[in-house]
Amino acid sequence: MKITRRTDYAIHLIADLSENPDKPLGLRTLAEQHGVTYAFARTVQQGLLKAGIVNTARGINGGIKLARPLADITLLEVFEAAQDPLEKAFSTKNSPWCTCENVCISQDMWLSTREVLGNHLASIHLDQVINKA
């Protein structure tokens, strides 16, 4: 498994938003500050928006802001909003390279790995990550 740039940027974006939790910030400005394209930032924003981590507003006072306090956002939520659900990341089911007929011999191993990692990521809240930096 690889942590993608999307996940790393999502954490940095959330950290920026946490500095002014009540003030919406412009996504274009945030993207420029981190050296990413606006299109890339929009993609990350859409995942966070769908997961209920951020809110957006249009207009002169619009922008993006946190929908919840950092203490209510887990690293698992951010990972899955930016990348894929762990179920998809740790599974061989329906994978084109898996030639197992009925039950894949490695499926139980990936299931237990997914469970351990999921529990660990769910136990870490963004306030722990961001306030530690």
N, C-alpha and C. Protein backbone atom coordinates (compact mmCIF):
# COMPACT_ATOMS: atom_id res chain seq x y z
N MET A 1 0.85 -1.18 0.00
CA MET A 1 0.00 0.00 0.00
C MET A 1 0.89 1.24 0.00
N LYS A 2 0.46 2.22 -0.71
CA LYS A 2 1.22 3.45 -0.82
C LYS A 2 0.34 4.63 -0.40
N ILE A 3 0.91 5.52 0.41
CA ILE A 3 0.19 6.75 0.76
C ILE A 3 0.39 7.69 -0.42
N THR A 4 -0.69 8.16 -0.98
CA THR A 4 -0.60 9.00 -2.17
C THR A 4 -0.43 10.47 -1.80
N ARG A 5 -0.07 11.23 -2.80
CA ARG A 5 0.06 12.68 -2.62
C ARG A 5 -1.29 13.29 -2.22
N ARG A 6 -2.37 12.70 -2.71
CA ARG A 6 -3.71 13.20 -2.38
C ARG A 6 -3.95 13.14 -0.87
N THR A 7 -3.57 12.03 -0.24
CA THR A 7 -3.77 11.87 1.20
C THR A 7 -2.90 12.85 1.97
N ASP A 8 -1.65 12.97 1.57
CA ASP A 8 -0.74 13.89 2.25
C ASP A 8 -1.24 15.33 2.10
N TYR A 9 -1.66 15.71 0.90
CA TYR A 9 -2.17 17.06 0.69
C TYR A 9 -3.45 17.29 1.49
N ALA A 10 -4.31 16.28 1.58
CA ALA A 10 -5.55 16.41 2.36
C ALA A 10 -5.25 16.77 3.81
N ILE A 11 -4.23 16.15 4.38
CA ILE A 11 -3.86 16.45 5.76
C ILE A 11 -3.34 17.88 5.87
N HIS A 12 -2.52 18.30 4.91
CA HIS A 12 -2.00 19.67 4.93
C HIS A 12 -3.13 20.68 4.73
N LEU A 13 -4.07 20.36 3.88
CA LEU A 13 -5.22 21.24 3.64
C LEU A 13 -6.04 21.40 4.93
N ILE A 14 -6.29 20.30 5.60
CA ILE A 14 -7.04 20.33 6.86
C ILE A 14 -6.28 21.13 7.91
N ALA A 15 -4.96 20.98 7.94
CA ALA A 15 -4.14 21.76 8.89
C ALA A 15 -4.28 23.25 8.63
N ASP A 16 -4.24 23.64 7.36
CA ASP A 16 -4.42 25.06 7.01
C ASP A 16 -5.79 25.57 7.44
N LEU A 17 -6.81 24.76 7.19
CA LEU A 17 -8.17 25.16 7.54
C LEU A 17 -8.35 25.26 9.06
N SER A 18 -7.61 24.45 9.80
CA SER A 18 -7.76 24.45 11.27
C SER A 18 -7.20 25.72 11.90
N GLU A 19 -6.35 26.44 11.19
CA GLU A 19 -5.79 27.68 11.73
C GLU A 19 -6.84 28.78 11.86
N ASN A 20 -7.84 28.75 10.99
CA ASN A 20 -8.95 29.71 11.01
C ASN A 20 -10.25 28.94 10.82
N PRO A 21 -10.68 28.17 11.83
CA PRO A 21 -11.81 27.26 11.64
C PRO A 21 -13.13 27.92 11.24
N ASP A 22 -13.32 29.19 11.57
CA ASP A 22 -14.59 29.84 11.25
C ASP A 22 -14.54 30.66 9.97
N LYS A 23 -13.38 30.76 9.36
CA LYS A 23 -13.22 31.60 8.17
C LYS A 23 -12.98 30.72 6.94
N PRO A 24 -13.88 30.77 5.96
CA PRO A 24 -13.65 30.02 4.73
C PRO A 24 -12.41 30.56 4.00
N LEU A 25 -11.60 29.64 3.48
CA LEU A 25 -10.40 30.02 2.75
C LEU A 25 -10.54 29.63 1.28
N GLY A 26 -9.91 30.41 0.42
CA GLY A 26 -9.96 30.14 -1.01
C GLY A 26 -9.11 28.94 -1.38
N LEU A 27 -9.70 28.02 -2.11
CA LEU A 27 -9.00 26.80 -2.49
C LEU A 27 -7.83 27.10 -3.43
N ARG A 28 -8.01 28.04 -4.32
CA ARG A 28 -6.94 28.39 -5.26
C ARG A 28 -5.71 28.88 -4.51
N THR A 29 -5.91 29.72 -3.51
CA THR A 29 -4.81 30.24 -2.70
C THR A 29 -4.14 29.11 -1.93
N LEU A 30 -4.92 28.24 -1.36
CA LEU A 30 -4.37 27.11 -0.61
C LEU A 30 -3.56 26.20 -1.53
N ALA A 31 -4.05 25.98 -2.73
CA ALA A 31 -3.32 25.15 -3.69
C ALA A 31 -1.97 25.78 -4.04
N GLU A 32 -1.97 27.07 -4.29
CA GLU A 32 -0.73 27.77 -4.62
C GLU A 32 0.27 27.70 -3.47
N GLN A 33 -0.20 27.81 -2.25
CA GLN A 33 0.69 27.75 -1.08
C GLN A 33 1.41 26.41 -0.97
N HIS A 34 0.78 25.36 -1.48
CA HIS A 34 1.37 24.02 -1.39
C HIS A 34 1.97 23.55 -2.71
N GLY A 35 1.94 24.41 -3.71
CA GLY A 35 2.55 24.06 -5.00
C GLY A 35 1.82 22.96 -5.75
N VAL A 36 0.51 22.92 -5.60
CA VAL A 36 -0.29 21.94 -6.35
C VAL A 36 -1.24 22.71 -7.28
N THR A 37 -1.71 22.04 -8.30
CA THR A 37 -2.62 22.69 -9.22
C THR A 37 -4.00 22.84 -8.59
N TYR A 38 -4.73 23.79 -9.09
CA TYR A 38 -6.09 23.99 -8.61
C TYR A 38 -6.94 22.75 -8.88
N ALA A 39 -6.75 22.13 -10.04
CA ALA A 39 -7.52 20.93 -10.39
C ALA A 39 -7.25 19.80 -9.39
N PHE A 40 -6.00 19.64 -9.00
CA PHE A 40 -5.65 18.62 -8.01
C PHE A 40 -6.30 18.94 -6.67
N ALA A 41 -6.21 20.21 -6.25
CA ALA A 41 -6.81 20.63 -4.98
C ALA A 41 -8.32 20.40 -5.00
N ARG A 42 -8.96 20.66 -6.13
CA ARG A 42 -10.42 20.44 -6.24
C ARG A 42 -10.76 18.97 -6.08
N THR A 43 -9.95 18.11 -6.64
CA THR A 43 -10.18 16.68 -6.51
C THR A 43 -10.12 16.25 -5.05
N VAL A 44 -9.11 16.74 -4.34
CA VAL A 44 -8.98 16.42 -2.92
C VAL A 44 -10.15 17.01 -2.15
N GLN A 45 -10.50 18.25 -2.45
CA GLN A 45 -11.63 18.91 -1.78
C GLN A 45 -12.92 18.12 -1.97
N GLN A 46 -13.15 17.61 -3.16
CA GLN A 46 -14.39 16.86 -3.42
C GLN A 46 -14.48 15.61 -2.55
N GLY A 47 -13.37 14.91 -2.38
CA GLY A 47 -13.36 13.73 -1.51
C GLY A 47 -13.65 14.10 -0.06
N LEU A 48 -13.03 15.20 0.40
CA LEU A 48 -13.25 15.65 1.78
C LEU A 48 -14.67 16.15 1.98
N LEU A 49 -15.22 16.79 0.97
CA LEU A 49 -16.60 17.29 1.02
C LEU A 49 -17.58 16.12 1.09
N LYS A 50 -17.38 15.14 0.26
CA LYS A 50 -18.24 13.95 0.24
C LYS A 50 -18.19 13.20 1.57
N ALA A 51 -17.02 13.22 2.22
CA ALA A 51 -16.86 12.53 3.50
C ALA A 51 -17.38 13.37 4.68
N GLY A 52 -17.81 14.60 4.42
CA GLY A 52 -18.32 15.45 5.49
C GLY A 52 -17.24 16.07 6.35
N ILE A 53 -16.02 16.14 5.83
CA ILE A 53 -14.91 16.71 6.59
C ILE A 53 -14.83 18.22 6.38
N VAL A 54 -15.20 18.69 5.20
CA VAL A 54 -15.19 20.12 4.91
C VAL A 54 -16.55 20.55 4.36
N ASN A 55 -16.77 21.85 4.43
CA ASN A 55 -17.93 22.49 3.80
C ASN A 55 -17.40 23.51 2.80
N THR A 56 -18.19 23.81 1.81
CA THR A 56 -17.81 24.84 0.86
C THR A 56 -18.97 25.83 0.72
N ALA A 57 -18.61 27.04 0.36
CA ALA A 57 -19.62 28.08 0.12
C ALA A 57 -19.14 28.92 -1.06
N ARG A 58 -20.08 29.33 -1.88
CA ARG A 58 -19.77 30.17 -3.04
C ARG A 58 -19.96 31.63 -2.68
N GLY A 59 -19.45 32.46 -3.51
CA GLY A 59 -19.69 33.89 -3.34
C GLY A 59 -18.49 34.63 -2.79
N ILE A 60 -18.70 35.91 -2.55
CA ILE A 60 -17.62 36.79 -2.13
C ILE A 60 -17.00 36.35 -0.81
N ASN A 61 -17.79 35.83 0.10
CA ASN A 61 -17.28 35.33 1.38
C ASN A 61 -17.16 33.81 1.40
N GLY A 62 -17.14 33.23 0.22
CA GLY A 62 -17.11 31.78 0.11
C GLY A 62 -15.72 31.20 0.27
N GLY A 63 -15.66 29.91 0.14
CA GLY A 63 -14.41 29.19 0.25
C GLY A 63 -14.65 27.83 0.88
N ILE A 64 -13.62 27.31 1.45
CA ILE A 64 -13.67 25.99 2.07
C ILE A 64 -13.32 26.13 3.56
N LYS A 65 -14.02 25.38 4.40
CA LYS A 65 -13.70 25.38 5.83
C LYS A 65 -14.04 24.01 6.41
N LEU A 66 -13.52 23.76 7.59
CA LEU A 66 -13.78 22.49 8.25
C LEU A 66 -15.25 22.37 8.64
N ALA A 67 -15.80 21.19 8.47
CA ALA A 67 -17.18 20.93 8.85
C ALA A 67 -17.28 20.47 10.30
N ARG A 68 -16.17 19.97 10.83
CA ARG A 68 -16.13 19.43 12.19
C ARG A 68 -14.81 19.79 12.85
N PRO A 69 -14.77 19.74 14.17
CA PRO A 69 -13.49 19.97 14.86
C PRO A 69 -12.48 18.87 14.53
N LEU A 70 -11.21 19.20 14.61
CA LEU A 70 -10.15 18.22 14.33
C LEU A 70 -10.28 16.97 15.19
N ALA A 71 -10.72 17.13 16.41
CA ALA A 71 -10.86 15.99 17.32
C ALA A 71 -11.92 14.99 16.87
N ASP A 72 -12.78 15.42 15.95
CA ASP A 72 -13.85 14.54 15.43
C ASP A 72 -13.53 13.95 14.07
N ILE A 73 -12.32 14.19 13.57
CA ILE A 73 -11.92 13.69 12.25
C ILE A 73 -10.80 12.68 12.45
N THR A 74 -11.00 11.46 11.94
CA THR A 74 -9.96 10.44 12.10
C THR A 74 -9.08 10.37 10.85
N LEU A 75 -7.90 9.83 11.06
CA LEU A 75 -6.98 9.63 9.95
C LEU A 75 -7.56 8.63 8.95
N LEU A 76 -8.34 7.68 9.42
CA LEU A 76 -8.99 6.73 8.52
C LEU A 76 -9.95 7.46 7.58
N GLU A 77 -10.73 8.39 8.11
CA GLU A 77 -11.66 9.15 7.27
C GLU A 77 -10.92 9.92 6.18
N VAL A 78 -9.81 10.56 6.55
CA VAL A 78 -9.05 11.33 5.58
C VAL A 78 -8.44 10.41 4.54
N PHE A 79 -7.86 9.31 4.97
CA PHE A 79 -7.27 8.34 4.05
C PHE A 79 -8.31 7.88 3.03
N GLU A 80 -9.47 7.46 3.52
CA GLU A 80 -10.49 6.93 2.62
C GLU A 80 -11.12 8.01 1.75
N ALA A 81 -11.17 9.25 2.23
CA ALA A 81 -11.70 10.35 1.42
C ALA A 81 -10.74 10.71 0.30
N ALA A 82 -9.45 10.60 0.56
CA ALA A 82 -8.45 11.00 -0.43
C ALA A 82 -8.05 9.86 -1.35
N GLN A 83 -8.06 8.65 -0.85
CA GLN A 83 -7.63 7.50 -1.64
C GLN A 83 -8.82 6.58 -1.91
N ASP A 84 -8.76 5.41 -1.35
CA ASP A 84 -9.81 4.42 -1.51
C ASP A 84 -10.16 3.85 -0.15
N PRO A 85 -11.34 3.27 -0.02
CA PRO A 85 -11.65 2.57 1.22
C PRO A 85 -10.61 1.46 1.45
N LEU A 86 -10.30 1.18 2.70
CA LEU A 86 -9.34 0.12 2.99
C LEU A 86 -9.78 -1.21 2.40
N GLU A 87 -11.07 -1.41 2.34
CA GLU A 87 -11.59 -2.66 1.78
C GLU A 87 -11.10 -2.87 0.35
N LYS A 88 -11.02 -1.80 -0.39
CA LYS A 88 -10.55 -1.89 -1.77
C LYS A 88 -9.02 -1.99 -1.82
N ALA A 89 -8.35 -1.28 -0.92
CA ALA A 89 -6.88 -1.28 -0.91
C ALA A 89 -6.31 -2.62 -0.46
N PHE A 90 -7.01 -3.32 0.42
CA PHE A 90 -6.52 -4.58 0.96
C PHE A 90 -7.47 -5.72 0.63
N SER A 91 -7.53 -6.04 -0.64
CA SER A 91 -8.38 -7.15 -1.06
C SER A 91 -7.90 -7.67 -2.41
N THR A 92 -7.97 -8.96 -2.58
CA THR A 92 -7.66 -9.55 -3.87
C THR A 92 -8.94 -9.99 -4.58
N LYS A 93 -10.06 -9.83 -3.89
CA LYS A 93 -11.34 -10.25 -4.45
C LYS A 93 -11.61 -9.49 -5.75
N ASN A 94 -11.96 -10.21 -6.77
CA ASN A 94 -12.27 -9.66 -8.09
C ASN A 94 -11.09 -8.94 -8.75
N SER A 95 -9.88 -9.24 -8.30
CA SER A 95 -8.70 -8.67 -8.93
C SER A 95 -8.35 -9.50 -10.17
N PRO A 96 -7.96 -8.85 -11.25
CA PRO A 96 -7.69 -9.58 -12.49
C PRO A 96 -6.52 -10.57 -12.39
N TRP A 97 -5.59 -10.34 -11.47
CA TRP A 97 -4.45 -11.24 -11.37
C TRP A 97 -4.72 -12.45 -10.49
N CYS A 98 -5.76 -12.42 -9.68
CA CYS A 98 -6.07 -13.53 -8.79
C CYS A 98 -6.77 -14.63 -9.58
N THR A 99 -6.16 -15.80 -9.60
CA THR A 99 -6.72 -16.91 -10.37
C THR A 99 -7.40 -17.96 -9.50
N CYS A 100 -7.62 -17.62 -8.23
CA CYS A 100 -8.30 -18.56 -7.33
C CYS A 100 -9.73 -18.77 -7.81
N GLU A 101 -10.18 -19.99 -7.69
CA GLU A 101 -11.52 -20.32 -8.16
C GLU A 101 -12.62 -19.77 -7.26
N ASN A 102 -12.67 -20.23 -6.03
CA ASN A 102 -13.74 -19.84 -5.12
C ASN A 102 -13.27 -18.92 -4.00
N VAL A 103 -12.27 -19.37 -3.27
CA VAL A 103 -11.75 -18.61 -2.13
C VAL A 103 -10.27 -18.38 -2.34
N CYS A 104 -9.85 -17.14 -2.24
CA CYS A 104 -8.43 -16.80 -2.40
C CYS A 104 -7.69 -17.13 -1.11
N ILE A 105 -6.57 -17.81 -1.24
CA ILE A 105 -5.83 -18.22 -0.04
C ILE A 105 -5.28 -17.04 0.74
N SER A 106 -5.09 -15.91 0.10
CA SER A 106 -4.54 -14.75 0.81
C SER A 106 -5.61 -13.80 1.33
N GLN A 107 -6.86 -14.04 1.02
CA GLN A 107 -7.92 -13.12 1.39
C GLN A 107 -8.03 -12.90 2.91
N ASP A 108 -7.91 -13.98 3.69
CA ASP A 108 -7.98 -13.84 5.15
C ASP A 108 -6.85 -12.99 5.69
N MET A 109 -5.66 -13.15 5.10
CA MET A 109 -4.51 -12.35 5.53
C MET A 109 -4.78 -10.86 5.27
N TRP A 110 -5.31 -10.53 4.09
CA TRP A 110 -5.60 -9.13 3.76
C TRP A 110 -6.73 -8.60 4.62
N LEU A 111 -7.68 -9.44 4.95
CA LEU A 111 -8.78 -9.02 5.82
C LEU A 111 -8.26 -8.64 7.21
N SER A 112 -7.38 -9.46 7.77
CA SER A 112 -6.85 -9.15 9.10
C SER A 112 -5.94 -7.93 9.05
N THR A 113 -5.19 -7.76 7.97
CA THR A 113 -4.33 -6.58 7.81
C THR A 113 -5.19 -5.33 7.74
N ARG A 114 -6.24 -5.40 6.97
CA ARG A 114 -7.17 -4.27 6.83
C ARG A 114 -7.80 -3.92 8.17
N GLU A 115 -8.15 -4.92 8.94
CA GLU A 115 -8.77 -4.69 10.24
C GLU A 115 -7.81 -4.00 11.21
N VAL A 116 -6.57 -4.49 11.27
CA VAL A 116 -5.57 -3.89 12.16
C VAL A 116 -5.28 -2.45 11.74
N LEU A 117 -5.02 -2.24 10.47
CA LEU A 117 -4.71 -0.89 9.99
C LEU A 117 -5.91 0.03 10.15
N GLY A 118 -7.10 -0.45 9.84
CA GLY A 118 -8.31 0.37 9.99
C GLY A 118 -8.53 0.80 11.43
N ASN A 119 -8.36 -0.13 12.36
CA ASN A 119 -8.52 0.21 13.78
C ASN A 119 -7.48 1.23 14.22
N HIS A 120 -6.25 1.06 13.74
CA HIS A 120 -5.20 2.00 14.11
C HIS A 120 -5.48 3.40 13.55
N LEU A 121 -5.80 3.49 12.28
CA LEU A 121 -6.07 4.79 11.66
C LEU A 121 -7.32 5.44 12.26
N ALA A 122 -8.30 4.65 12.64
CA ALA A 122 -9.51 5.19 13.26
C ALA A 122 -9.25 5.71 14.68
N SER A 123 -8.17 5.25 15.30
CA SER A 123 -7.86 5.69 16.66
C SER A 123 -7.06 7.00 16.68
N ILE A 124 -6.60 7.43 15.53
CA ILE A 124 -5.81 8.67 15.45
C ILE A 124 -6.71 9.79 14.95
N HIS A 125 -6.82 10.84 15.74
CA HIS A 125 -7.63 11.99 15.36
C HIS A 125 -6.72 13.10 14.87
N LEU A 126 -7.24 13.92 13.97
CA LEU A 126 -6.41 14.93 13.34
C LEU A 126 -5.85 15.96 14.31
N ASP A 127 -6.53 16.19 15.41
CA ASP A 127 -5.96 17.13 16.40
C ASP A 127 -4.65 16.57 16.95
N GLN A 128 -4.52 15.25 17.08
CA GLN A 128 -3.29 14.63 17.56
C GLN A 128 -2.17 14.84 16.54
N VAL A 129 -2.50 14.72 15.27
CA VAL A 129 -1.51 14.83 14.20
C VAL A 129 -1.08 16.28 14.02
N ILE A 130 -2.05 17.16 13.89
CA ILE A 130 -1.76 18.56 13.55
C ILE A 130 -1.19 19.33 14.72
N ASN A 131 -1.69 19.11 15.90
CA ASN A 131 -1.18 19.84 17.07
C ASN A 131 0.18 19.34 17.52
N LYS A 132 0.57 18.16 17.05
CA LYS A 132 1.86 17.60 17.39
C LYS A 132 2.97 18.22 16.52
N ALA A 133 2.60 18.67 15.33
CA ALA A 133 3.59 19.18 14.37
C ALA A 133 4.25 20.46 14.80
